Protein backbone atom coordinates (compact mmCIF):
# COMPACT_ATOMS: atom_id res chain seq x y z
CA UNK A 1 57.25 3.90 47.71
CA UNK A 2 58.78 4.34 44.15
CA UNK A 3 58.25 8.26 43.97
CA UNK A 4 58.31 8.54 40.28
CA UNK A 5 55.06 5.88 39.90
CA UNK A 6 52.07 6.58 42.52
CA UNK A 7 50.89 3.53 42.08
CA UNK A 8 54.13 1.45 42.72
CA UNK A 9 53.03 -0.29 45.89
CA UNK A 10 55.33 0.02 48.99
CA UNK A 11 57.17 -3.28 49.83
CA UNK A 12 54.74 -5.68 51.71
CA UNK A 13 52.16 -4.78 49.68
CA UNK A 14 50.56 -6.61 46.65
CA UNK A 15 50.95 -4.55 43.52
CA UNK A 16 47.84 -2.76 42.20
CA UNK A 17 46.50 -2.71 38.27
CA UNK A 18 48.88 -1.14 35.78
CA UNK A 19 45.48 -0.20 33.98
CA UNK A 20 43.53 1.76 37.15
CA UNK A 21 45.51 5.14 37.77
CA UNK A 22 42.24 7.59 37.42
CA UNK A 23 40.23 8.46 40.50
CA UNK A 24 37.95 5.70 41.60
CA UNK A 25 35.57 8.26 42.99
CA UNK A 26 35.45 5.74 46.20
CA UNK A 27 35.18 8.83 48.31
CA UNK A 28 38.07 7.80 51.02
CA UNK A 29 39.89 10.38 50.39
CA UNK A 30 37.03 12.50 51.10
CA UNK A 31 36.43 10.90 54.87
CA UNK A 32 39.33 9.07 56.05
CA UNK A 33 42.09 12.50 56.42
CA UNK A 34 41.37 15.03 57.88
CA UNK A 35 40.84 18.44 55.65
CA UNK A 36 41.65 21.76 57.96
CA UNK A 37 40.83 24.06 55.05
CA UNK A 38 37.46 22.43 55.39
CA UNK A 39 37.39 21.81 59.16
CA UNK A 40 36.99 17.97 58.84
CA UNK A 41 38.13 15.75 61.41
CA UNK A 42 40.04 12.49 60.87
CA UNK A 43 37.81 9.81 60.31
CA UNK A 44 34.62 11.92 59.53
CA UNK A 45 33.16 12.09 55.79
CA UNK A 46 33.30 15.50 54.44
CA UNK A 47 30.08 17.52 54.53
CA UNK A 48 30.65 18.17 51.16
CA UNK A 49 30.32 14.54 50.00
CA UNK A 50 27.37 14.27 48.19
CA UNK A 51 25.57 10.80 46.71
CA UNK A 52 27.50 8.62 44.74
CA UNK A 53 31.08 10.15 46.83
CA UNK A 54 30.91 13.06 44.32
CA UNK A 55 31.94 16.00 45.69
CA UNK A 56 29.58 19.12 45.87
CA UNK A 57 31.33 22.13 45.87
CA UNK A 58 34.07 20.14 43.13
CA UNK A 59 34.33 23.63 41.22
CA UNK A 60 35.30 25.60 44.44
CA UNK A 61 37.05 23.02 46.39
CA UNK A 62 40.20 23.73 48.82
CA UNK A 63 43.64 23.21 47.34
CA UNK A 64 44.60 20.25 49.40
CA UNK A 65 41.39 18.70 47.38
CA UNK A 66 42.53 20.00 44.18
CA UNK A 67 46.51 18.51 44.92
CA UNK A 68 44.99 14.86 45.95
CA UNK A 69 46.23 12.57 43.19
CA UNK A 70 44.97 9.04 42.94
CA UNK A 71 47.98 6.81 44.28
CA UNK A 72 48.41 2.73 44.99
CA UNK A 73 46.38 3.34 48.27
CA UNK A 74 43.06 4.02 45.90
CA UNK A 75 43.45 0.34 44.29
CA UNK A 76 43.84 -1.01 48.05
CA UNK A 77 40.86 0.97 49.35
CA UNK A 78 38.09 1.65 46.25
CA UNK A 79 36.98 -2.60 46.02
CA UNK A 80 35.66 -2.31 49.56
CA UNK A 81 31.70 -2.44 49.51
CA UNK A 82 31.01 0.94 52.15
CA UNK A 83 32.70 4.10 52.54
CA UNK A 84 33.23 3.62 55.81
CA UNK A 85 35.16 0.32 55.08
CA UNK A 86 37.49 2.00 52.38
CA UNK A 87 37.79 4.66 55.13
CA UNK A 88 38.78 2.88 58.08
CA UNK A 89 41.36 0.79 55.27
CA UNK A 90 42.80 4.22 54.46
CA UNK A 91 43.13 5.10 57.63
CA UNK A 92 44.97 1.60 58.64
CA UNK A 93 47.09 1.66 55.81
CA UNK A 94 48.39 5.27 57.07
CA UNK A 95 48.61 4.21 60.79
CA UNK A 96 46.31 6.91 61.30
CA UNK A 97 44.07 4.42 63.51
CA UNK A 98 41.73 1.32 63.24
CA UNK A 99 38.86 3.06 61.38
CA UNK A 100 36.17 5.07 61.98
């Protein structure tokens, strides 16, 4: 992936839209990866993930969450219809399993 542009798709993936470069509130980054600071295992939605895939502890979220930046994966998973589908695709992209 081009390190200067977080939205540049890696080889073999379709390019993402240049206009969508912000968080889409899809919840995949809160459901797919493990978050040790919250004792959240891989593939399990964060217990702080509320309605509309919004963080219930946003103002006091841990550094790992604060430091996460949207990238091309967001454009790949956000259009999927459910949180489960988005998390599964996120995990698939990163080779972390076949989903939740």
